[in-house]
């Protein structure tokens, strides 16, 4: 879920890959992405508990998320916000297209 709300950003920004295990051992977890609502972050955060017995089973996570979807107010910008990128630099645009899809 954090990947969705961080717009596919790198998990644990600012922390090197080889530093993550030690970071987690000290009880630290990834911070909430700016666009992620607090209640959704709390659901995700609960999945990261050290003791698997303290994590909610999938059916309860599913129920919680379905409930959140029912209560979304479509007028709330936090839930309908999206990014429209208009890239006029053709070279930059080309860098986003996988090589297999390029026809040139």
PDB file of N, CA and C in Angstrom:
ATOM      1  N   UNK A   1       0.813  -1.196   0.000  1.00  0.00           N
ATOM      2  CA  UNK A   1       0.000   0.000   0.000  1.00  0.00           C
ATOM      3  C   UNK A   1       0.856   1.260   0.000  1.00  0.00           C
ATOM      4  N   UNK A   2       1.979   1.208   0.690  1.00  0.00           N
ATOM      5  CA  UNK A   2       2.815   2.404   0.743  1.00  0.00           C
ATOM      6  C   UNK A   2       3.367   2.747  -0.632  1.00  0.00           C
ATOM      7  N   UNK A   3       3.608   1.741  -1.466  1.00  0.00           N
ATOM      8  CA  UNK A   3       4.114   1.994  -2.810  1.00  0.00           C
ATOM      9  C   UNK A   3       3.094   2.777  -3.629  1.00  0.00           C
ATOM     10  N   UNK A   4       1.835   2.459  -3.458  1.00  0.00           N
ATOM     11  CA  UNK A   4       0.778   3.169  -4.187  1.00  0.00           C
ATOM     12  C   UNK A   4       0.747   4.632  -3.764  1.00  0.00           C
ATOM     13  N   UNK A   5       0.742   4.886  -2.477  1.00  0.00           N
ATOM     14  CA  UNK A   5       0.634   6.256  -1.979  1.00  0.00           C
ATOM     15  C   UNK A   5       1.922   7.057  -2.116  1.00  0.00           C
ATOM     16  N   UNK A   6       3.044   6.391  -2.321  1.00  0.00           N
ATOM     17  CA  UNK A   6       4.297   7.122  -2.539  1.00  0.00           C
ATOM     18  C   UNK A   6       4.565   7.291  -4.028  1.00  0.00           C
ATOM     19  N   UNK A   7       3.553   6.947  -4.853  1.00  0.00           N
ATOM     20  CA  UNK A   7       3.675   7.040  -6.309  1.00  0.00           C
ATOM     21  C   UNK A   7       4.867   6.227  -6.799  1.00  0.00           C
ATOM     22  N   UNK A   8       4.964   5.010  -6.296  1.00  0.00           N
ATOM     23  CA  UNK A   8       6.029   4.052  -6.641  1.00  0.00           C
ATOM     24  C   UNK A   8       7.407   4.520  -6.203  1.00  0.00           C
ATOM     25  N   UNK A   9       7.444   5.302  -5.134  1.00  0.00           N
ATOM     26  CA  UNK A   9       8.728   5.756  -4.616  1.00  0.00           C
ATOM     27  C   UNK A   9       9.505   4.609  -3.980  1.00  0.00           C
ATOM     28  N   UNK A  10      10.766   4.838  -3.769  1.00  0.00           N
ATOM     29  CA  UNK A  10      11.629   3.838  -3.159  1.00  0.00           C
ATOM     30  C   UNK A  10      11.230   3.622  -1.703  1.00  0.00           C
ATOM     31  N   UNK A  11      11.050   2.361  -1.296  1.00  0.00           N
ATOM     32  CA  UNK A  11      10.748   2.104   0.118  1.00  0.00           C
ATOM     33  C   UNK A  11      11.921   2.543   1.005  1.00  0.00           C
ATOM     34  N   UNK A  12      11.629   3.001   2.177  1.00  0.00           N
ATOM     35  CA  UNK A  12      12.637   3.457   3.137  1.00  0.00           C
ATOM     36  C   UNK A  12      13.579   4.491   2.507  1.00  0.00           C
ATOM     37  N   UNK A  13      13.028   5.604   2.011  1.00  0.00           N
ATOM     38  CA  UNK A  13      13.879   6.612   1.374  1.00  0.00           C
ATOM     39  C   UNK A  13      14.943   7.141   2.333  1.00  0.00           C
ATOM     40  N   UNK A  14      16.140   7.305   1.801  1.00  0.00           N
ATOM     41  CA  UNK A  14      17.243   7.826   2.597  1.00  0.00           C
ATOM     42  C   UNK A  14      17.979   6.778   3.407  1.00  0.00           C
ATOM     43  N   UNK A  15      17.535   5.521   3.326  1.00  0.00           N
ATOM     44  CA  UNK A  15      18.177   4.438   4.073  1.00  0.00           C
ATOM     45  C   UNK A  15      18.723   3.435   3.063  1.00  0.00           C
ATOM     46  N   UNK A  16      20.000   3.107   3.170  1.00  0.00           N
ATOM     47  CA  UNK A  16      20.621   2.155   2.254  1.00  0.00           C
ATOM     48  C   UNK A  16      20.068   0.750   2.441  1.00  0.00           C
ATOM     49  N   UNK A  17      20.072  -0.021   1.358  1.00  0.00           N
ATOM     50  CA  UNK A  17      19.543  -1.392   1.395  1.00  0.00           C
ATOM     51  C   UNK A  17      20.177  -2.222   2.508  1.00  0.00           C
ATOM     52  N   UNK A  18      21.487  -2.087   2.681  1.00  0.00           N
ATOM     53  CA  UNK A  18      22.160  -2.896   3.699  1.00  0.00           C
ATOM     54  C   UNK A  18      21.938  -2.363   5.113  1.00  0.00           C
ATOM     55  N   UNK A  19      21.323  -1.198   5.250  1.00  0.00           N
ATOM     56  CA  UNK A  19      21.014  -0.634   6.565  1.00  0.00           C
ATOM     57  C   UNK A  19      19.612  -1.024   7.048  1.00  0.00           C
ATOM     58  N   UNK A  20      18.766  -1.473   6.139  1.00  0.00           N
ATOM     59  CA  UNK A  20      17.363  -1.747   6.475  1.00  0.00           C
ATOM     60  C   UNK A  20      17.200  -2.824   7.547  1.00  0.00           C
ATOM     61  N   UNK A  21      17.911  -3.967   7.486  1.00  0.00           N
ATOM     62  CA  UNK A  21      17.714  -4.973   8.545  1.00  0.00           C
ATOM     63  C   UNK A  21      17.971  -4.420   9.954  1.00  0.00           C
ATOM     64  N   UNK A  22      19.019  -3.640  10.109  1.00  0.00           N
ATOM     65  CA  UNK A  22      19.333  -3.060  11.424  1.00  0.00           C
ATOM     66  C   UNK A  22      18.263  -2.037  11.822  1.00  0.00           C
ATOM     67  N   UNK A  23      17.807  -1.270  10.862  1.00  0.00           N
ATOM     68  CA  UNK A  23      16.741  -0.282  11.070  1.00  0.00           C
ATOM     69  C   UNK A  23      15.493  -0.973  11.617  1.00  0.00           C
ATOM     70  N   UNK A  24      15.126  -2.094  10.999  1.00  0.00           N
ATOM     71  CA  UNK A  24      13.942  -2.846  11.422  1.00  0.00           C
ATOM     72  C   UNK A  24      14.143  -3.517  12.775  1.00  0.00           C
ATOM     73  N   UNK A  25      15.361  -4.017  13.038  1.00  0.00           N
ATOM     74  CA  UNK A  25      15.646  -4.661  14.328  1.00  0.00           C
ATOM     75  C   UNK A  25      15.446  -3.703  15.497  1.00  0.00           C
ATOM     76  N   UNK A  26      15.656  -2.420  15.244  1.00  0.00           N
ATOM     77  CA  UNK A  26      15.476  -1.407  16.286  1.00  0.00           C
ATOM     78  C   UNK A  26      14.023  -0.943  16.387  1.00  0.00           C
ATOM     79  N   UNK A  27      13.132  -1.675  15.738  1.00  0.00           N
ATOM     80  CA  UNK A  27      11.707  -1.371  15.843  1.00  0.00           C
ATOM     81  C   UNK A  27      11.230  -0.231  14.960  1.00  0.00           C
ATOM     82  N   UNK A  28      12.105   0.276  14.122  1.00  0.00           N
ATOM     83  CA  UNK A  28      11.722   1.382  13.242  1.00  0.00           C
ATOM     84  C   UNK A  28      10.983   0.830  12.024  1.00  0.00           C
ATOM     85  N   UNK A  29      10.101   1.635  11.490  1.00  0.00           N
ATOM     86  CA  UNK A  29       9.337   1.256  10.304  1.00  0.00           C
ATOM     87  C   UNK A  29       9.297   2.436   9.340  1.00  0.00           C
ATOM     88  N   UNK A  30       8.901   2.141   8.122  1.00  0.00           N
ATOM     89  CA  UNK A  30       8.833   3.169   7.102  1.00  0.00           C
ATOM     90  C   UNK A  30       7.839   4.259   7.514  1.00  0.00           C
ATOM     91  N   UNK A  31       8.217   5.493   7.244  1.00  0.00           N
ATOM     92  CA  UNK A  31       7.331   6.613   7.564  1.00  0.00           C
ATOM     93  C   UNK A  31       6.157   6.649   6.593  1.00  0.00           C
ATOM     94  N   UNK A  32       5.109   7.310   7.012  1.00  0.00           N
ATOM     95  CA  UNK A  32       3.903   7.429   6.194  1.00  0.00           C
ATOM     96  C   UNK A  32       4.179   8.326   4.991  1.00  0.00           C
ATOM     97  N   UNK A  33       3.888   7.837   3.776  1.00  0.00           N
ATOM     98  CA  UNK A  33       4.006   8.710   2.603  1.00  0.00           C
ATOM     99  C   UNK A  33       3.054   9.902   2.730  1.00  0.00           C
ATOM    100  N   UNK A  34       3.443  11.025   2.183  1.00  0.00           N
ATOM    101  CA  UNK A  34       2.657  12.260   2.308  1.00  0.00           C
ATOM    102  C   UNK A  34       1.208  12.099   1.877  1.00  0.00           C
ATOM    103  N   UNK A  35       0.964  11.378   0.807  1.00  0.00           N
ATOM    104  CA  UNK A  35      -0.392  11.252   0.259  1.00  0.00           C
ATOM    105  C   UNK A  35      -1.228  10.183   0.959  1.00  0.00           C
ATOM    106  N   UNK A  36      -0.634   9.407   1.838  1.00  0.00           N
ATOM    107  CA  UNK A  36      -1.343   8.294   2.471  1.00  0.00           C
ATOM    108  C   UNK A  36      -2.160   8.776   3.667  1.00  0.00           C
ATOM    109  N   UNK A  37      -3.467   8.500   3.676  1.00  0.00           N
ATOM    110  CA  UNK A  37      -4.276   8.859   4.843  1.00  0.00           C
ATOM    111  C   UNK A  37      -3.803   8.098   6.090  1.00  0.00           C
ATOM    112  N   UNK A  38      -3.898   8.732   7.230  1.00  0.00           N
ATOM    113  CA  UNK A  38      -3.416   8.149   8.483  1.00  0.00           C
ATOM    114  C   UNK A  38      -4.061   6.800   8.785  1.00  0.00           C
ATOM    115  N   UNK A  39      -5.366   6.668   8.553  1.00  0.00           N
ATOM    116  CA  UNK A  39      -6.038   5.404   8.877  1.00  0.00           C
ATOM    117  C   UNK A  39      -5.547   4.252   7.996  1.00  0.00           C
ATOM    118  N   UNK A  40      -5.214   4.535   6.754  1.00  0.00           N
ATOM    119  CA  UNK A  40      -4.673   3.501   5.866  1.00  0.00           C
ATOM    120  C   UNK A  40      -3.255   3.135   6.314  1.00  0.00           C
ATOM    121  N   UNK A  41      -2.479   4.145   6.710  1.00  0.00           N
ATOM    122  CA  UNK A  41      -1.122   3.885   7.202  1.00  0.00           C
ATOM    123  C   UNK A  41      -1.162   2.991   8.438  1.00  0.00           C
ATOM    124  N   UNK A  42      -2.121   3.219   9.308  1.00  0.00           N
ATOM    125  CA  UNK A  42      -2.232   2.400  10.520  1.00  0.00           C
ATOM    126  C   UNK A  42      -2.516   0.940  10.176  1.00  0.00           C
ATOM    127  N   UNK A  43      -3.293   0.707   9.138  1.00  0.00           N
ATOM    128  CA  UNK A  43      -3.538  -0.672   8.691  1.00  0.00           C
ATOM    129  C   UNK A  43      -2.229  -1.284   8.195  1.00  0.00           C
ATOM    130  N   UNK A  44      -1.507  -0.550   7.359  1.00  0.00           N
ATOM    131  CA  UNK A  44      -0.227  -1.046   6.836  1.00  0.00           C
ATOM    132  C   UNK A  44       0.766  -1.269   7.973  1.00  0.00           C
ATOM    133  N   UNK A  45       0.846  -0.321   8.888  1.00  0.00           N
ATOM    134  CA  UNK A  45       1.787  -0.401  10.006  1.00  0.00           C
ATOM    135  C   UNK A  45       1.532  -1.653  10.846  1.00  0.00           C
ATOM    136  N   UNK A  46       0.264  -2.005  11.018  1.00  0.00           N
ATOM    137  CA  UNK A  46      -0.082  -3.207  11.776  1.00  0.00           C
ATOM    138  C   UNK A  46       0.442  -4.483  11.137  1.00  0.00           C
ATOM    139  N   UNK A  47       0.664  -4.451   9.836  1.00  0.00           N
ATOM    140  CA  UNK A  47       1.198  -5.624   9.122  1.00  0.00           C
ATOM    141  C   UNK A  47       2.688  -5.816   9.379  1.00  0.00           C
ATOM    142  N   UNK A  48       3.347  -4.808   9.929  1.00  0.00           N
ATOM    143  CA  UNK A  48       4.789  -4.856  10.122  1.00  0.00           C
ATOM    144  C   UNK A  48       5.197  -5.210  11.549  1.00  0.00           C
ATOM    145  N   UNK A  49       4.266  -5.665  12.356  1.00  0.00           N
ATOM    146  CA  UNK A  49       4.609  -6.025  13.742  1.00  0.00           C
ATOM    147  C   UNK A  49       5.594  -7.190  13.738  1.00  0.00           C
ATOM    148  N   UNK A  50       6.558  -7.129  14.660  1.00  0.00           N
ATOM    149  CA  UNK A  50       7.576  -8.181  14.749  1.00  0.00           C
ATOM    150  C   UNK A  50       6.968  -9.555  14.994  1.00  0.00           C
ATOM    151  N   UNK A  51       6.029  -9.618  15.904  1.00  0.00           N
ATOM    152  CA  UNK A  51       5.405 -10.893  16.264  1.00  0.00           C
ATOM    153  C   UNK A  51       4.249 -11.175  15.304  1.00  0.00           C
ATOM    154  N   UNK A  52       4.367 -12.201  14.464  1.00  0.00           N
ATOM    155  CA  UNK A  52       3.302 -12.509  13.504  1.00  0.00           C
ATOM    156  C   UNK A  52       1.953 -12.759  14.168  1.00  0.00           C
ATOM    157  N   UNK A  53       1.956 -13.214  15.420  1.00  0.00           N
ATOM    158  CA  UNK A  53       0.698 -13.470  16.127  1.00  0.00           C
ATOM    159  C   UNK A  53      -0.058 -12.184  16.452  1.00  0.00           C
ATOM    160  N   UNK A  54       0.641 -11.054  16.413  1.00  0.00           N
ATOM    161  CA  UNK A  54       0.005  -9.767  16.697  1.00  0.00           C
ATOM    162  C   UNK A  54      -0.521  -9.085  15.429  1.00  0.00           C
ATOM    163  N   UNK A  55      -0.189  -9.650  14.269  1.00  0.00           N
ATOM    164  CA  UNK A  55      -0.668  -9.095  13.002  1.00  0.00           C
ATOM    165  C   UNK A  55      -2.079  -9.589  12.724  1.00  0.00           C
ATOM    166  N   UNK A  56      -2.896  -8.738  12.126  1.00  0.00           N
ATOM    167  CA  UNK A  56      -4.263  -9.141  11.776  1.00  0.00           C
ATOM    168  C   UNK A  56      -4.231 -10.190  10.675  1.00  0.00           C
ATOM    169  N   UNK A  57      -5.138 -11.148  10.744  1.00  0.00           N
ATOM    170  CA  UNK A  57      -5.247 -12.105   9.640  1.00  0.00           C
ATOM    171  C   UNK A  57      -5.788 -11.392   8.390  1.00  0.00           C
ATOM    172  N   UNK A  58      -5.534 -11.983   7.245  1.00  0.00           N
ATOM    173  CA  UNK A  58      -5.897 -11.347   5.982  1.00  0.00           C
ATOM    174  C   UNK A  58      -7.382 -11.006   5.902  1.00  0.00           C
ATOM    175  N   UNK A  59      -8.247 -11.885   6.388  1.00  0.00           N
ATOM    176  CA  UNK A  59      -9.682 -11.608   6.270  1.00  0.00           C
ATOM    177  C   UNK A  59     -10.072 -10.350   7.040  1.00  0.00           C
ATOM    178  N   UNK A  60      -9.374 -10.065   8.158  1.00  0.00           N
ATOM    179  CA  UNK A  60      -9.673  -8.837   8.909  1.00  0.00           C
ATOM    180  C   UNK A  60      -9.115  -7.609   8.188  1.00  0.00           C
ATOM    181  N   UNK A  61      -7.936  -7.757   7.580  1.00  0.00           N
ATOM    182  CA  UNK A  61      -7.382  -6.655   6.794  1.00  0.00           C
ATOM    183  C   UNK A  61      -8.316  -6.319   5.638  1.00  0.00           C
ATOM    184  N   UNK A  62      -8.803  -7.353   4.974  1.00  0.00           N
ATOM    185  CA  UNK A  62      -9.723  -7.173   3.857  1.00  0.00           C
ATOM    186  C   UNK A  62     -10.988  -6.445   4.316  1.00  0.00           C
ATOM    187  N   UNK A  63     -11.516  -6.858   5.448  1.00  0.00           N
ATOM    188  CA  UNK A  63     -12.727  -6.231   6.006  1.00  0.00           C
ATOM    189  C   UNK A  63     -12.467  -4.757   6.323  1.00  0.00           C
ATOM    190  N   UNK A  64     -11.330  -4.470   6.952  1.00  0.00           N
ATOM    191  CA  UNK A  64     -10.986  -3.081   7.296  1.00  0.00           C
ATOM    192  C   UNK A  64     -10.870  -2.212   6.043  1.00  0.00           C
ATOM    193  N   UNK A  65     -10.205  -2.743   5.026  1.00  0.00           N
ATOM    194  CA  UNK A  65     -10.027  -1.970   3.797  1.00  0.00           C
ATOM    195  C   UNK A  65     -11.352  -1.755   3.069  1.00  0.00           C
ATOM    196  N   UNK A  66     -12.204  -2.776   3.055  1.00  0.00           N
ATOM    197  CA  UNK A  66     -13.526  -2.616   2.434  1.00  0.00           C
ATOM    198  C   UNK A  66     -14.326  -1.540   3.158  1.00  0.00           C
ATOM    199  N   UNK A  67     -14.227  -1.520   4.474  1.00  0.00           N
ATOM    200  CA  UNK A  67     -14.932  -0.502   5.261  1.00  0.00           C
ATOM    201  C   UNK A  67     -14.408   0.895   4.929  1.00  0.00           C
ATOM    202  N   UNK A  68     -13.099   1.012   4.780  1.00  0.00           N
ATOM    203  CA  UNK A  68     -12.511   2.315   4.428  1.00  0.00           C
ATOM    204  C   UNK A  68     -13.008   2.761   3.057  1.00  0.00           C
ATOM    205  N   UNK A  69     -13.114   1.835   2.109  1.00  0.00           N
ATOM    206  CA  UNK A  69     -13.602   2.181   0.770  1.00  0.00           C
ATOM    207  C   UNK A  69     -15.040   2.676   0.809  1.00  0.00           C
ATOM    208  N   UNK A  70     -15.839   2.100   1.680  1.00  0.00           N
ATOM    209  CA  UNK A  70     -17.240   2.522   1.807  1.00  0.00           C
ATOM    210  C   UNK A  70     -17.370   3.939   2.360  1.00  0.00           C
ATOM    211  N   UNK A  71     -16.399   4.353   3.155  1.00  0.00           N
ATOM    212  CA  UNK A  71     -16.501   5.656   3.817  1.00  0.00           C
ATOM    213  C   UNK A  71     -15.754   6.768   3.082  1.00  0.00           C
ATOM    214  N   UNK A  72     -15.199   6.471   1.921  1.00  0.00           N
ATOM    215  CA  UNK A  72     -14.471   7.500   1.173  1.00  0.00           C
ATOM    216  C   UNK A  72     -15.441   8.566   0.679  1.00  0.00           C
ATOM    217  N   UNK A  73     -15.090   9.783   0.945  1.00  0.00           N
ATOM    218  CA  UNK A  73     -15.863  10.924   0.463  1.00  0.00           C
ATOM    219  C   UNK A  73     -15.247  11.358  -0.865  1.00  0.00           C
ATOM    220  N   UNK A  74     -15.967  11.198  -1.980  1.00  0.00           N
ATOM    221  CA  UNK A  74     -15.383  11.538  -3.278  1.00  0.00           C
ATOM    222  C   UNK A  74     -15.020  13.016  -3.408  1.00  0.00           C
ATOM    223  N   UNK A  75     -15.542  13.843  -2.532  1.00  0.00           N
ATOM    224  CA  UNK A  75     -15.208  15.270  -2.573  1.00  0.00           C
ATOM    225  C   UNK A  75     -13.898  15.577  -1.850  1.00  0.00           C
ATOM    226  N   UNK A  76     -13.362  14.589  -1.152  1.00  0.00           N
ATOM    227  CA  UNK A  76     -12.123  14.779  -0.400  1.00  0.00           C
ATOM    228  C   UNK A  76     -10.935  14.635  -1.351  1.00  0.00           C
ATOM    229  N   UNK A  77     -10.192  15.715  -1.537  1.00  0.00           N
ATOM    230  CA  UNK A  77      -9.072  15.703  -2.475  1.00  0.00           C
ATOM    231  C   UNK A  77      -8.032  14.639  -2.171  1.00  0.00           C
ATOM    232  N   UNK A  78      -7.874  14.272  -0.918  1.00  0.00           N
ATOM    233  CA  UNK A  78      -6.853  13.280  -0.566  1.00  0.00           C
ATOM    234  C   UNK A  78      -7.121  11.951  -1.248  1.00  0.00           C
ATOM    235  N   UNK A  79      -8.390  11.666  -1.557  1.00  0.00           N
ATOM    236  CA  UNK A  79      -8.727  10.385  -2.158  1.00  0.00           C
ATOM    237  C   UNK A  79      -8.866  10.444  -3.678  1.00  0.00           C
ATOM    238  N   UNK A  80      -8.944  11.621  -4.257  1.00  0.00           N
ATOM    239  CA  UNK A  80      -9.104  11.671  -5.707  1.00  0.00           C
ATOM    240  C   UNK A  80      -7.953  12.391  -6.390  1.00  0.00           C
ATOM    241  N   UNK A  81      -6.931  12.667  -5.656  1.00  0.00           N
ATOM    242  CA  UNK A  81      -5.783  13.375  -6.189  1.00  0.00           C
ATOM    243  C   UNK A  81      -4.992  12.468  -7.123  1.00  0.00           C
ATOM    244  N   UNK A  82      -4.542  12.997  -8.214  1.00  0.00           N
ATOM    245  CA  UNK A  82      -3.678  12.260  -9.122  1.00  0.00           C
ATOM    246  C   UNK A  82      -2.734  13.244  -9.788  1.00  0.00           C
ATOM    247  N   UNK A  83      -1.749  12.702 -10.444  1.00  0.00           N
ATOM    248  CA  UNK A  83      -0.755  13.535 -11.098  1.00  0.00           C
ATOM    249  C   UNK A  83      -0.914  13.399 -12.602  1.00  0.00           C
ATOM    250  N   UNK A  84      -1.006  14.514 -13.265  1.00  0.00           N
ATOM    251  CA  UNK A  84      -1.009  14.508 -14.722  1.00  0.00           C
ATOM    252  C   UNK A  84       0.316  15.119 -15.155  1.00  0.00           C
ATOM    253  N   UNK A  85       1.167  14.305 -15.734  1.00  0.00           N
ATOM    254  CA  UNK A  85       2.474  14.786 -16.157  1.00  0.00           C
ATOM    255  C   UNK A  85       2.434  15.117 -17.642  1.00  0.00           C
ATOM    256  N   UNK A  86       2.775  16.329 -17.958  1.00  0.00           N
ATOM    257  CA  UNK A  86       2.879  16.711 -19.357  1.00  0.00           C
ATOM    258  C   UNK A  86       4.361  16.913 -19.623  1.00  0.00           C
ATOM    259  N   UNK A  87       4.944  15.961 -20.319  1.00  0.00           N
ATOM    260  CA  UNK A  87       6.378  16.001 -20.565  1.00  0.00           C
ATOM    261  C   UNK A  87       6.605  16.459 -21.998  1.00  0.00           C
ATOM    262  N   UNK A  88       7.215  17.622 -22.135  1.00  0.00           N
ATOM    263  CA  UNK A  88       7.455  18.170 -23.463  1.00  0.00           C
ATOM    264  C   UNK A  88       8.858  17.855 -23.959  1.00  0.00           C
ATOM    265  N   UNK A  89       9.720  17.412 -23.084  1.00  0.00           N
ATOM    266  CA  UNK A  89      11.079  17.048 -23.463  1.00  0.00           C
ATOM    267  C   UNK A  89      11.046  15.624 -24.013  1.00  0.00           C
ATOM    268  N   UNK A  90      11.180  15.495 -25.343  1.00  0.00           N
ATOM    269  CA  UNK A  90      11.039  14.184 -25.979  1.00  0.00           C
ATOM    270  C   UNK A  90      12.100  13.192 -25.490  1.00  0.00           C
ATOM    271  N   UNK A  91      13.310  13.664 -25.259  1.00  0.00           N
ATOM    272  CA  UNK A  91      14.370  12.777 -24.779  1.00  0.00           C
ATOM    273  C   UNK A  91      14.028  12.232 -23.389  1.00  0.00           C
ATOM    274  N   UNK A  92      13.496  13.088 -22.538  1.00  0.00           N
ATOM    275  CA  UNK A  92      13.079  12.651 -21.209  1.00  0.00           C
ATOM    276  C   UNK A  92      11.939  11.651 -21.323  1.00  0.00           C
ATOM    277  N   UNK A  93      10.976  11.933 -22.181  1.00  0.00           N
ATOM    278  CA  UNK A  93       9.839  11.029 -22.378  1.00  0.00           C
ATOM    279  C   UNK A  93      10.321   9.661 -22.850  1.00  0.00           C
ATOM    280  N   UNK A  94      11.279   9.630 -23.754  1.00  0.00           N
ATOM    281  CA  UNK A  94      11.828   8.368 -24.260  1.00  0.00           C
ATOM    282  C   UNK A  94      12.426   7.533 -23.128  1.00  0.00           C
ATOM    283  N   UNK A  95      12.961   8.198 -22.114  1.00  0.00           N
ATOM    284  CA  UNK A  95      13.594   7.465 -21.015  1.00  0.00           C
ATOM    285  C   UNK A  95      12.579   6.692 -20.178  1.00  0.00           C
ATOM    286  N   UNK A  96      11.291   7.031 -20.288  1.00  0.00           N
ATOM    287  CA  UNK A  96      10.252   6.325 -19.540  1.00  0.00           C
ATOM    288  C   UNK A  96       9.728   5.094 -20.269  1.00  0.00           C
ATOM    289  N   UNK A  97      10.021   4.972 -21.551  1.00  0.00           N
ATOM    290  CA  UNK A  97       9.487   3.871 -22.355  1.00  0.00           C
ATOM    291  C   UNK A  97      10.487   2.719 -22.351  1.00  0.00           C
ATOM    292  N   UNK A  98      10.057   1.530 -21.934  1.00  0.00           N
ATOM    293  CA  UNK A  98      10.971   0.380 -21.952  1.00  0.00           C
ATOM    294  C   UNK A  98      11.499   0.122 -23.362  1.00  0.00           C
ATOM    295  N   UNK A  99      12.737  -0.319 -23.469  1.00  0.00           N
ATOM    296  CA  UNK A  99      13.372  -0.550 -24.773  1.00  0.00           C
ATOM    297  C   UNK A  99      12.573  -1.486 -25.664  1.00  0.00           C
ATOM    298  N   UNK A 100      11.956  -2.495 -25.084  1.00  0.00           N
ATOM    299  CA  UNK A 100      11.190  -3.461 -25.877  1.00  0.00           C
ATOM    300  C   UNK A 100      10.010  -2.806 -26.587  1.00  0.00           C
ATOM    301  N   UNK A 101       9.497  -1.709 -26.049  1.00  0.00           N
ATOM    302  CA  UNK A 101       8.340  -1.044 -26.641  1.00  0.00           C
ATOM    303  C   UNK A 101       8.719   0.014 -27.662  1.00  0.00           C
ATOM    304  N   UNK A 102       9.970   0.417 -27.668  1.00  0.00           N
ATOM    305  CA  UNK A 102      10.406   1.456 -28.601  1.00  0.00           C
ATOM    306  C   UNK A 102      10.416   0.896 -30.018  1.00  0.00           C
ATOM    307  N   UNK A 103       9.954   1.697 -30.944  1.00  0.00           N
ATOM    308  CA  UNK A 103       9.895   1.244 -32.334  1.00  0.00           C
ATOM    309  C   UNK A 103      11.041   1.793 -33.159  1.00  0.00           C
ATOM    310  N   UNK A 104      11.795   2.700 -32.617  1.00  0.00           N
ATOM    311  CA  UNK A 104      12.911   3.318 -33.356  1.00  0.00           C
ATOM    312  C   UNK A 104      14.120   2.421 -33.360  1.00  0.00           C
TER     313      UNK A 104
END
